[in-house]
Amino acid sequence: MPHSAAYPDKDESLTRPLEDLSFKEFFAAADAMLLVDMHGRILQASNAACAVLEYAPEDIIGLKVEALVPERYREQHHKHREGYVADPMKRAMGNGRNLVALTREGREIQLDIGLSPLLIKKRHYILITFHDSDQRLKAEEALRTSEERLRLAKRVAGLGVFDYDLIRNTMKYDECVRQLWGIRPDQPMTYEMLIAGIHPEDRHIRRDAIHRASDPEGSGEYKIEYRVVNAIDGRQRWVAAIGKVFFQDRRPQRMVGVVQEITERKLLEQKLRDQRNEMGALIKTQVALQTASAIAHELNQPLTALSAYSEVGLHIIEHPPVDPDQLRRALLGAVAQAQRAGDSLHELLEFLQHGEFAREAIDLNALIKDALDIVHHDGYREFQAILELEPGLPPVMANPMQIQKVLVNLLCNSVEAMRSANIPEAAIRIRLSTNTETSQAQITVQDNGPGLTGEVAQRLFEPFFTTKAKGIGMGLVISRALVESNGGQMWLETDHQTGATFHFTLPFAA
């Protein structure tokens, strides 16, 4: 059956697209090409060739190809052409065959050329294809310059590049990363070696960061700091890693980024933090001394008078006959002085607290994240933070510094409890919700530590009661007082099976 009969609706002209296309028309639309006879005369030139060589079609046809070569190379080119005519064979572009050509305006340009022998109606021709290699050379030079600048920037900044295939779970790293991890150049660097080099307490931090970055609903950004134990010298080094996850069909495919050693910065931060803590402790001591001095001053006079009235009363009782009026005056004086001492103490405490902290509308979601950062920077890093925040929660009316202190205290207590119990996978869940009974925001801090016994739970908010060897037992007392001063309540969930669970509420801003 004829081919056209099998497809009756098919246009036969489409099945033979080249039959009606002349060689001249094809040449006009092609890239830079010259058709040359065996004597070196140009018989045809494509529009692209004319543009590169700055010739009009009618001016270039009929020229010898040597006319397109600078005079100093013409004799050599003529010999090369005769050798090619004697042994014609296809020579592709990009094989190192370059030619210095001369444009009509006398400008010399570098060309990459390719040669193809043709046999048309028993006559031999040569098809020359070429393109301007100056542009290629400039692009290659620009690429080399860019790569050299990148290498220099990496070396100055101490940057290492990583490429993580999330599908195959394989990684590629440069020499800088090998040096940080202590992997010799002759050793193949595997994913297991990378994980083994990360400090055991920081591995879950990196794992959680990759998990968040691999979420298609997120930004795909990966940013984390962790410690690396060098396999050669055993030193601990801090590194910062920044990367970006690329997705395909909402599936994470690849993460590319850089790592940078930040050990010096971390040591400086720790030094400044220690100095700040020492200064804070000194200030607290001075505040306590000044407060105690003020209290002693305010209470000294009424207590002295109270003691005097009491002595008078005792003297009257011990030396009969007892005068009821004198005894009554002595007791009334003692009562008055006791009330005066209590009023003075109450006024002093109000004065010390008055105007020290102002309330404002605050975003609890952001405040919780800030508290976590403070805890991490203060050395409490060995736990996984599970955040169950409520992005649309209205702001609360409270003092941000006071509530931040409450959160930091609860988080540090949880970490210390899990640390002392050697919990292998320590975790703290921080949940933000709305308490329907009080119509207030509720924050829950729950750990997976050893928990609290019944007696300890009952006395936990008593002043000076503590389960810590070096504690003074005032952290939770102060935390509850701060929450209550901001219009909320704080309590411990006593019927929880594992770990410790604290709740506190805060009023929403009007």
Protein backbone atom coordinates (compact mmCIF):
# COMPACT_ATOMS: atom_id res chain seq x y z
CA MET A 1 0.00 0.00 0.00
CA PRO A 2 1.46 3.46 -0.84
CA HIS A 3 2.45 5.46 2.24
CA SER A 4 0.05 8.30 1.36
CA ALA A 5 -2.87 5.90 1.13
CA ALA A 6 -2.37 4.84 4.73
CA TYR A 7 -2.83 8.47 5.81
CA PRO A 8 -5.41 9.94 3.39
CA ASP A 9 -5.72 13.21 5.35
CA LYS A 10 -1.99 13.90 5.47
CA ASP A 11 -0.45 16.65 3.34
CA GLU A 12 2.16 14.93 1.13
CA SER A 13 4.25 18.11 1.01
CA LEU A 14 4.84 17.76 4.73
CA THR A 15 6.31 14.28 4.31
CA ARG A 16 9.01 15.60 2.00
CA PRO A 17 10.01 18.94 3.58
CA LEU A 18 13.35 19.32 1.73
CA GLU A 19 12.21 18.54 -1.81
CA ASP A 20 11.04 22.10 -2.44
CA LEU A 21 13.84 23.75 -0.45
CA SER A 22 16.72 24.96 -2.59
CA PHE A 23 20.34 24.82 -1.44
CA LYS A 24 20.54 28.60 -1.80
CA GLU A 25 17.51 29.13 0.48
CA PHE A 26 18.98 26.75 3.04
CA PHE A 27 22.28 28.63 2.96
CA ALA A 28 20.55 31.96 3.53
CA ALA A 29 19.02 30.73 6.79
CA ALA A 30 22.03 28.76 8.07
CA ASP A 31 24.78 29.72 10.51
CA ALA A 32 28.11 31.18 9.35
CA MET A 33 29.12 29.02 6.35
CA LEU A 34 31.10 29.39 3.13
CA LEU A 35 30.88 27.06 0.12
CA VAL A 36 34.27 26.94 -1.61
CA ASP A 37 35.42 25.05 -4.72
CA MET A 38 38.64 23.06 -4.86
CA HIS A 39 40.49 26.13 -6.17
CA GLY A 40 39.58 28.13 -3.07
CA ARG A 41 36.97 30.40 -4.69
CA ILE A 42 33.94 31.33 -2.60
CA LEU A 43 30.77 30.20 -4.39
CA GLN A 44 28.20 30.83 -1.68
CA ALA A 45 28.10 32.60 1.71
CA SER A 46 25.40 32.51 4.34
CA ASN A 47 23.98 35.71 5.76
CA ALA A 48 25.59 34.93 9.11
CA ALA A 49 29.02 34.53 7.44
CA CYS A 50 28.64 37.86 5.67
CA ALA A 51 27.73 39.55 8.97
CA VAL A 52 30.79 38.13 10.78
CA LEU A 53 33.19 39.03 7.94
CA GLU A 54 31.47 42.42 7.27
CA TYR A 55 30.91 41.66 3.56
CA ALA A 56 27.88 42.09 1.35
CA PRO A 57 26.91 38.79 -0.37
CA GLU A 58 27.67 40.16 -3.83
CA ASP A 59 31.14 41.31 -2.74
CA ILE A 60 32.31 38.11 -1.07
CA ILE A 61 31.24 35.64 -3.77
CA GLY A 62 34.09 34.99 -6.19
CA LEU A 63 36.87 35.90 -3.75
CA LYS A 64 39.64 33.47 -2.96
CA VAL A 65 39.57 32.41 0.68
CA GLU A 66 43.13 33.72 1.06
CA ALA A 67 41.65 37.23 0.67
CA LEU A 68 40.00 36.68 4.06
CA VAL A 69 43.34 35.87 5.71
CA PRO A 70 45.89 38.48 6.90
CA GLU A 71 48.73 38.81 4.43
CA ARG A 72 51.35 37.38 6.77
CA TYR A 73 49.42 34.08 6.95
CA ARG A 74 48.32 33.74 3.29
CA GLU A 75 51.21 31.65 2.02
CA GLN A 76 50.91 29.29 4.94
CA HIS A 77 47.13 29.08 4.50
CA HIS A 78 47.54 28.32 0.78
CA LYS A 79 49.73 25.31 1.62
CA HIS A 80 47.21 24.10 4.19
CA ARG A 81 44.41 24.37 1.64
CA GLU A 82 46.35 22.41 -0.99
CA GLY A 83 47.07 19.71 1.61
CA TYR A 84 43.37 19.49 2.46
CA VAL A 85 42.40 19.24 -1.25
CA ALA A 86 44.82 16.34 -1.61
CA ASP A 87 43.30 14.55 1.40
CA PRO A 88 39.84 15.97 2.13
CA MET A 89 38.22 14.83 5.36
CA LYS A 90 35.71 16.20 7.81
CA ARG A 91 37.19 18.35 10.56
CA ALA A 92 34.73 19.50 13.22
CA MET A 93 34.84 22.83 15.02
CA GLY A 94 36.20 22.85 18.52
CA ASN A 95 39.17 20.60 17.76
CA GLY A 96 41.75 23.32 18.12
CA ARG A 97 41.58 24.42 14.44
CA ASN A 98 41.49 28.20 14.71
CA LEU A 99 42.00 30.81 12.02
CA VAL A 100 42.85 34.48 12.09
CA ALA A 101 40.48 36.09 9.59
CA LEU A 102 40.43 39.55 8.07
CA THR A 103 37.15 41.46 7.81
CA ARG A 104 36.44 43.83 4.95
CA GLU A 105 37.22 46.75 7.30
CA GLY A 106 40.68 45.29 7.95
CA ARG A 107 39.90 44.07 11.48
CA GLU A 108 41.49 40.78 12.52
CA ILE A 109 39.24 38.27 14.32
CA GLN A 110 39.69 34.78 15.71
CA LEU A 111 37.48 32.08 14.16
CA ASP A 112 36.78 28.50 15.16
CA ILE A 113 36.42 26.65 11.84
CA GLY A 114 35.16 23.31 10.68
CA LEU A 115 35.72 21.72 7.23
CA SER A 116 33.45 19.26 5.39
CA PRO A 117 34.14 17.88 1.87
CA LEU A 118 31.05 17.76 -0.37
CA LEU A 119 30.38 15.90 -3.65
CA ILE A 120 27.59 17.54 -5.67
CA LYS A 121 26.88 16.24 -9.19
CA LYS A 122 30.34 14.64 -9.36
CA ARG A 123 32.06 17.88 -8.44
CA HIS A 124 34.02 18.41 -5.21
CA TYR A 125 33.46 21.34 -2.87
CA ILE A 126 34.47 22.35 0.63
CA LEU A 127 31.94 23.55 3.19
CA ILE A 128 33.53 25.86 5.76
CA THR A 129 31.59 26.46 8.98
CA PHE A 130 32.84 28.93 11.56
CA HIS A 131 31.97 31.25 14.42
CA ASP A 132 33.71 34.15 16.11
CA SER A 133 35.92 32.61 18.81
CA ASP A 134 36.70 36.04 20.27
CA GLN A 135 33.35 35.94 22.05
CA ARG A 136 34.05 32.42 23.28
CA LEU A 137 37.52 33.43 24.48
CA LYS A 138 36.10 36.46 26.25
CA ALA A 139 33.44 34.30 27.91
CA GLU A 140 36.06 31.76 28.96
CA GLU A 141 38.27 34.50 30.34
CA ALA A 142 35.33 36.02 32.22
CA LEU A 143 34.50 32.58 33.63
CA ARG A 144 38.11 32.02 34.72
CA THR A 145 38.19 35.46 36.34
CA SER A 146 34.88 34.81 38.10
CA GLU A 147 36.05 31.41 39.35
CA GLU A 148 39.32 32.89 40.58
CA ARG A 149 37.45 35.64 42.42
CA LEU A 150 35.15 33.02 43.95
CA ARG A 151 38.14 30.94 45.09
CA LEU A 152 39.78 34.04 46.56
CA ALA A 153 36.56 35.06 48.35
CA LYS A 154 36.12 31.54 49.73
CA ARG A 155 39.70 31.47 50.97
CA VAL A 156 39.52 34.91 52.61
CA ALA A 157 36.12 34.22 54.22
CA GLY A 158 36.94 30.62 55.10
CA LEU A 159 33.91 29.32 53.21
CA GLY A 160 33.32 25.70 52.26
CA VAL A 161 30.73 24.65 49.67
CA PHE A 162 28.41 21.66 50.06
CA ASP A 163 25.95 19.99 47.69
CA TYR A 164 23.49 17.60 49.35
CA ASP A 165 21.44 15.17 47.21
CA LEU A 166 18.33 14.65 49.36
CA ILE A 167 17.04 11.79 47.18
CA ARG A 168 20.20 9.67 47.23
CA ASN A 169 21.30 10.98 50.66
CA THR A 170 24.77 11.79 49.32
CA MET A 171 26.94 14.87 49.69
CA LYS A 172 29.73 16.64 47.86
CA TYR A 173 32.12 18.94 49.70
CA ASP A 174 35.17 21.00 48.80
CA GLU A 175 38.59 21.01 50.43
CA CYS A 176 37.65 23.60 53.07
CA VAL A 177 34.96 21.30 54.48
CA ARG A 178 37.43 18.39 54.51
CA GLN A 179 39.83 20.47 56.59
CA LEU A 180 37.11 21.43 59.09
CA TRP A 181 36.05 17.81 59.54
CA GLY A 182 39.63 16.49 59.47
CA ILE A 183 39.17 14.26 56.39
CA ARG A 184 42.42 13.61 54.49
CA PRO A 185 42.48 14.29 50.72
CA ASP A 186 43.03 10.60 49.95
CA GLN A 187 39.97 9.56 51.99
CA PRO A 188 36.55 9.31 50.35
CA MET A 189 34.19 11.55 52.34
CA THR A 190 30.92 9.74 53.04
CA TYR A 191 27.66 10.96 54.56
CA GLU A 192 28.28 8.78 57.64
CA MET A 193 31.65 10.48 58.19
CA LEU A 194 29.97 13.87 58.00
CA ILE A 195 27.39 12.96 60.66
CA ALA A 196 30.05 11.33 62.87
CA GLY A 197 32.05 14.57 62.81
CA ILE A 198 29.18 16.65 64.23
CA HIS A 199 29.14 17.01 68.02
CA PRO A 200 26.65 14.45 69.44
CA GLU A 201 24.69 17.16 71.27
CA ASP A 202 24.19 19.14 68.04
CA ARG A 203 23.17 16.38 65.62
CA HIS A 204 19.47 16.69 66.34
CA ILE A 205 19.69 20.47 65.78
CA ARG A 206 21.04 19.92 62.27
CA ARG A 207 18.50 17.15 61.62
CA ASP A 208 15.59 19.37 62.65
CA ALA A 209 16.89 22.26 60.53
CA ILE A 210 17.07 20.04 57.42
CA HIS A 211 13.57 18.74 58.18
CA ARG A 212 12.19 22.30 58.32
CA ALA A 213 14.01 23.34 55.15
CA SER A 214 12.64 20.28 53.32
CA ASP A 215 9.03 21.33 54.00
CA PRO A 216 7.51 22.49 50.66
CA GLU A 217 5.27 24.90 52.58
CA GLY A 218 8.31 26.75 53.92
CA SER A 219 10.97 28.96 52.38
CA GLY A 220 13.43 26.11 51.81
CA GLU A 221 16.15 28.03 53.65
CA TYR A 222 18.63 26.21 55.89
CA LYS A 223 20.52 28.20 58.50
CA ILE A 224 22.14 26.70 61.58
CA GLU A 225 25.20 26.76 63.82
CA TYR A 226 26.73 23.63 65.33
CA ARG A 227 29.99 22.14 66.58
CA VAL A 228 32.31 19.88 64.58
CA VAL A 229 34.89 17.57 66.15
CA ASN A 230 37.96 17.41 63.91
CA ALA A 231 38.91 13.76 63.22
CA ILE A 232 42.65 14.53 63.09
CA ASP A 233 43.36 16.81 66.07
CA GLY A 234 40.15 16.25 68.08
CA ARG A 235 39.48 19.98 68.40
CA GLN A 236 35.95 21.32 68.54
CA ARG A 237 35.16 23.95 65.96
CA TRP A 238 31.98 25.97 65.53
CA VAL A 239 30.59 26.26 62.00
CA ALA A 240 27.68 28.18 60.50
CA ALA A 241 25.85 26.53 57.60
CA ILE A 242 23.55 28.38 55.20
CA GLY A 243 21.77 26.57 52.38
CA LYS A 244 18.77 26.48 50.09
CA VAL A 245 16.59 23.47 49.26
CA PHE A 246 15.36 23.07 45.68
CA PHE A 247 12.08 21.28 45.03
CA GLN A 248 10.55 19.41 42.10
CA ASP A 249 6.85 18.54 42.17
CA ARG A 250 6.87 19.69 45.83
CA ARG A 251 9.52 17.10 46.66
CA PRO A 252 12.90 18.24 48.05
CA GLN A 253 15.60 17.25 45.60
CA ARG A 254 18.79 19.07 46.47
CA MET A 255 20.34 21.42 49.00
CA VAL A 256 23.23 23.68 48.09
CA GLY A 257 25.02 26.02 50.47
CA VAL A 258 28.15 27.05 52.32
CA VAL A 259 29.72 26.44 55.73
CA GLN A 260 32.00 28.84 57.57
CA GLU A 261 34.07 28.39 60.70
CA ILE A 262 32.88 30.76 63.45
CA THR A 263 34.90 29.43 66.40
CA GLU A 264 36.50 32.80 67.22
CA ARG A 265 33.15 34.53 67.12
CA LYS A 266 31.62 31.94 69.45
CA LEU A 267 34.51 32.23 71.91
CA LEU A 268 34.10 36.01 71.92
CA GLU A 269 30.35 35.67 72.46
CA GLN A 270 30.97 33.31 75.39
CA LYS A 271 33.49 35.72 76.89
CA LEU A 272 31.08 38.64 76.60
CA ARG A 273 28.26 36.49 78.00
CA ASP A 274 30.40 35.51 81.02
CA GLN A 275 31.28 39.15 81.59
CA ARG A 276 27.62 40.11 81.31
CA ASN A 277 26.62 37.40 83.78
CA GLU A 278 29.33 38.51 86.22
CA MET A 279 28.17 42.10 85.89
CA GLY A 280 24.56 41.02 86.32
CA ALA A 281 25.42 39.05 89.44
CA LEU A 282 27.31 42.04 90.84
CA ILE A 283 24.40 44.36 90.13
CA LYS A 284 21.96 41.91 91.73
CA THR A 285 24.17 41.73 94.81
CA GLN A 286 24.35 45.50 95.05
CA VAL A 287 20.58 45.80 94.55
CA ALA A 288 20.01 43.21 97.28
CA LEU A 289 22.36 45.05 99.64
CA GLN A 290 20.73 48.39 98.93
CA THR A 291 17.27 46.89 99.33
CA ALA A 292 18.21 45.23 102.61
CA SER A 293 19.74 48.49 103.81
CA ALA A 294 16.60 50.42 102.93
CA ILE A 295 14.39 47.85 104.66
CA ALA A 296 16.58 47.90 107.76
CA HIS A 297 16.46 51.71 107.84
CA GLU A 298 12.68 51.84 107.48
CA LEU A 299 12.08 49.11 110.09
CA ASN A 300 14.67 50.18 112.63
CA GLN A 301 12.66 52.97 114.31
CA PRO A 302 9.30 51.13 114.60
CA LEU A 303 11.04 47.94 115.77
CA THR A 304 13.00 49.91 118.39
CA ALA A 305 9.80 51.54 119.61
CA LEU A 306 8.01 48.18 119.56
CA SER A 307 10.75 46.71 121.73
CA ALA A 308 10.50 49.63 124.18
CA TYR A 309 6.72 49.35 124.54
CA SER A 310 7.06 45.60 125.05
CA GLU A 311 9.63 46.12 127.83
CA VAL A 312 7.31 48.61 129.52
CA GLY A 313 4.48 46.08 129.39
CA LEU A 314 6.66 43.37 130.87
CA HIS A 315 7.85 45.70 133.62
CA ILE A 316 4.25 46.55 134.56
CA ILE A 317 3.27 42.87 134.71
CA GLU A 318 6.33 41.85 136.71
CA HIS A 319 5.89 44.65 139.34
CA PRO A 320 2.41 44.53 140.84
CA PRO A 321 0.10 46.11 141.47
CA VAL A 322 -0.57 46.18 137.73
CA ASP A 323 -1.89 49.46 136.41
CA PRO A 324 -4.36 48.50 133.62
CA ASP A 325 -4.23 51.91 132.00
CA GLN A 326 -0.42 51.88 131.75
CA LEU A 327 -0.45 48.30 130.41
CA ARG A 328 -3.13 49.21 127.88
CA ARG A 329 -1.10 52.23 126.67
CA ALA A 330 2.03 50.04 126.32
CA LEU A 331 0.17 47.37 124.31
CA LEU A 332 -1.52 49.97 122.09
CA GLY A 333 1.88 51.51 121.41
CA ALA A 334 3.35 48.11 120.50
CA VAL A 335 0.44 47.42 118.12
CA ALA A 336 0.80 50.82 116.50
CA GLN A 337 4.53 50.37 115.95
CA ALA A 338 4.02 46.89 114.51
CA GLN A 339 1.45 48.31 112.07
CA ARG A 340 3.85 51.14 111.24
CA ALA A 341 6.61 48.61 110.45
CA GLY A 342 4.27 46.63 108.19
CA ASP A 343 3.08 49.77 106.39
CA SER A 344 6.65 50.97 105.91
CA LEU A 345 7.70 47.63 104.45
CA HIS A 346 4.68 47.56 102.11
CA GLU A 347 5.32 51.15 100.95
CA LEU A 348 8.98 50.39 100.37
CA LEU A 349 8.24 47.37 98.20
CA GLU A 350 5.67 49.36 96.22
CA PHE A 351 8.22 52.12 95.73
CA LEU A 352 10.87 49.67 94.51
CA GLN A 353 8.44 48.18 91.97
CA HIS A 354 6.70 51.40 90.94
CA GLY A 355 7.45 52.38 87.32
CA GLU A 356 10.19 49.79 86.87
CA PHE A 357 8.38 47.85 84.16
CA ALA A 358 5.73 49.04 81.74
CA ARG A 359 3.25 46.81 79.95
CA GLU A 360 2.73 46.79 76.19
CA ALA A 361 1.07 44.72 73.46
CA ILE A 362 3.48 41.89 72.62
CA ASP A 363 3.52 39.02 70.13
CA LEU A 364 3.94 35.81 72.13
CA ASN A 365 5.05 33.82 69.05
CA ALA A 366 8.05 36.10 68.57
CA LEU A 367 8.74 36.30 72.32
CA ILE A 368 8.92 32.49 72.61
CA LYS A 369 11.44 32.30 69.76
CA ASP A 370 13.54 35.04 71.36
CA ALA A 371 13.53 33.15 74.68
CA LEU A 372 14.71 30.00 72.89
CA ASP A 373 17.59 31.95 71.33
CA ILE A 374 18.63 33.24 74.75
CA VAL A 375 18.55 29.72 76.22
CA HIS A 376 20.65 28.35 73.35
CA HIS A 377 23.19 31.17 73.63
CA ASP A 378 23.47 30.60 77.39
CA GLY A 379 24.68 27.04 76.80
CA TYR A 380 21.38 25.13 77.10
CA ARG A 381 21.48 23.49 73.67
CA GLU A 382 21.10 19.74 74.23
CA PHE A 383 17.35 19.49 73.60
CA GLN A 384 14.89 19.46 70.72
CA ALA A 385 12.43 22.34 70.77
CA ILE A 386 8.96 21.34 69.55
CA LEU A 387 7.02 24.52 68.81
CA GLU A 388 3.24 24.46 68.57
CA LEU A 389 2.62 28.16 68.07
CA GLU A 390 -0.54 29.98 67.00
CA PRO A 391 0.38 32.49 64.27
CA GLY A 392 -2.98 34.29 64.36
CA LEU A 393 -3.04 34.74 68.14
CA PRO A 394 -3.81 38.35 69.16
CA PRO A 395 -1.14 40.22 71.14
CA VAL A 396 -1.18 40.10 74.93
CA MET A 397 -0.77 43.03 77.32
CA ALA A 398 2.33 42.37 79.46
CA ASN A 399 5.88 43.43 80.08
CA PRO A 400 8.06 41.62 77.49
CA MET A 401 11.17 41.49 79.71
CA GLN A 402 9.30 39.95 82.63
CA ILE A 403 7.55 37.30 80.50
CA GLN A 404 10.81 36.53 78.74
CA LYS A 405 12.43 35.90 82.15
CA VAL A 406 9.59 33.51 83.02
CA LEU A 407 10.04 31.53 79.78
CA VAL A 408 13.84 31.39 80.10
CA ASN A 409 13.54 30.18 83.71
CA LEU A 410 11.09 27.40 82.79
CA LEU A 411 13.20 26.27 79.82
CA CYS A 412 16.46 26.25 81.83
CA ASN A 413 14.79 24.30 84.64
CA SER A 414 13.58 21.68 82.14
CA VAL A 415 17.01 21.34 80.52
CA GLU A 416 18.75 21.00 83.90
CA ALA A 417 16.26 18.34 85.03
CA MET A 418 16.72 16.30 81.83
CA ARG A 419 20.48 16.81 81.93
CA SER A 420 20.75 15.49 85.51
CA ALA A 421 18.60 12.46 84.52
CA ASN A 422 20.73 11.77 81.38
CA ILE A 423 17.70 11.79 79.07
CA PRO A 424 19.08 10.52 75.70
CA GLU A 425 16.67 12.46 73.45
CA ALA A 426 15.72 15.49 75.49
CA ALA A 427 12.79 17.48 74.13
CA ILE A 428 10.72 20.46 75.28
CA ARG A 429 7.29 21.13 73.80
CA ILE A 430 6.17 24.78 73.85
CA ARG A 431 2.50 25.20 73.04
CA LEU A 432 0.60 28.45 72.59
CA SER A 433 -3.20 28.43 72.71
CA THR A 434 -6.28 30.25 74.01
CA ASN A 435 -7.64 29.32 77.44
CA THR A 436 -11.39 29.22 76.88
CA GLU A 437 -12.19 29.41 80.62
CA THR A 438 -10.33 32.66 81.24
CA SER A 439 -10.33 34.01 77.66
CA GLN A 440 -6.59 34.55 77.96
CA ALA A 441 -3.53 33.36 76.07
CA GLN A 442 -2.03 30.21 77.56
CA ILE A 443 1.61 29.10 77.29
CA THR A 444 2.54 25.50 78.07
CA VAL A 445 6.12 24.31 78.64
CA GLN A 446 6.39 20.50 78.78
CA ASP A 447 9.55 18.38 78.95
CA ASN A 448 10.18 14.63 78.81
CA GLY A 449 12.36 14.61 81.92
CA PRO A 450 12.02 12.59 85.15
CA GLY A 451 9.00 14.54 86.34
CA LEU A 452 8.13 15.67 89.89
CA THR A 453 7.01 13.62 92.89
CA GLY A 454 3.85 14.52 94.75
CA GLU A 455 5.60 16.17 97.73
CA VAL A 456 7.97 18.16 95.49
CA ALA A 457 5.09 19.27 93.28
CA GLN A 458 3.16 20.55 96.29
CA ARG A 459 6.07 22.61 97.64
CA LEU A 460 7.48 23.76 94.29
CA PHE A 461 6.21 27.35 94.59
CA GLU A 462 7.30 27.78 98.23
CA PRO A 463 10.04 30.39 98.80
CA PHE A 464 13.52 28.89 99.30
CA PHE A 465 12.36 25.36 98.45
CA THR A 466 14.62 23.77 95.83
CA THR A 467 15.66 20.37 94.48
CA LYS A 468 18.95 21.73 93.08
CA ALA A 469 22.25 21.38 94.88
CA LYS A 470 23.13 25.05 94.26
CA GLY A 471 19.65 26.53 93.92
CA ILE A 472 18.09 29.08 96.28
CA GLY A 473 14.48 28.17 95.55
CA MET A 474 13.27 31.55 94.31
CA GLY A 475 13.10 31.08 90.51
CA LEU A 476 9.56 29.68 90.33
CA VAL A 477 8.36 31.96 93.13
CA ILE A 478 9.55 35.01 91.21
CA SER A 479 8.20 33.61 87.92
CA ARG A 480 4.72 33.14 89.39
CA ALA A 481 4.84 36.63 90.94
CA LEU A 482 5.82 38.14 87.57
CA VAL A 483 2.97 36.34 85.77
CA GLU A 484 0.45 37.43 88.40
CA SER A 485 1.71 41.03 88.28
CA ASN A 486 0.90 40.96 84.55
CA GLY A 487 -2.67 39.78 85.18
CA GLY A 488 -2.19 36.04 84.63
CA GLN A 489 -1.95 32.79 86.55
CA MET A 490 0.75 30.09 86.70
CA TRP A 491 0.43 26.46 87.79
CA LEU A 492 1.97 23.00 87.52
CA GLU A 493 0.04 20.14 85.93
CA THR A 494 0.25 17.54 88.71
CA ASP A 495 -1.52 14.62 87.02
CA HIS A 496 0.85 14.39 84.04
CA GLN A 497 2.44 10.95 83.69
CA THR A 498 5.91 11.86 82.41
CA GLY A 499 8.05 14.96 82.59
CA ALA A 500 7.02 18.31 84.02
CA THR A 501 4.30 20.50 82.51
CA PHE A 502 3.90 24.16 83.47
CA HIS A 503 1.12 26.48 82.29
CA PHE A 504 0.67 30.21 82.63
CA THR A 505 -1.85 32.65 81.18
CA LEU A 506 -1.73 36.30 80.13
CA PRO A 507 -4.57 38.71 79.25
CA PHE A 508 -5.04 39.76 75.64
CA ALA A 509 -4.46 43.38 74.75
CA ALA A 510 -7.63 45.43 74.47
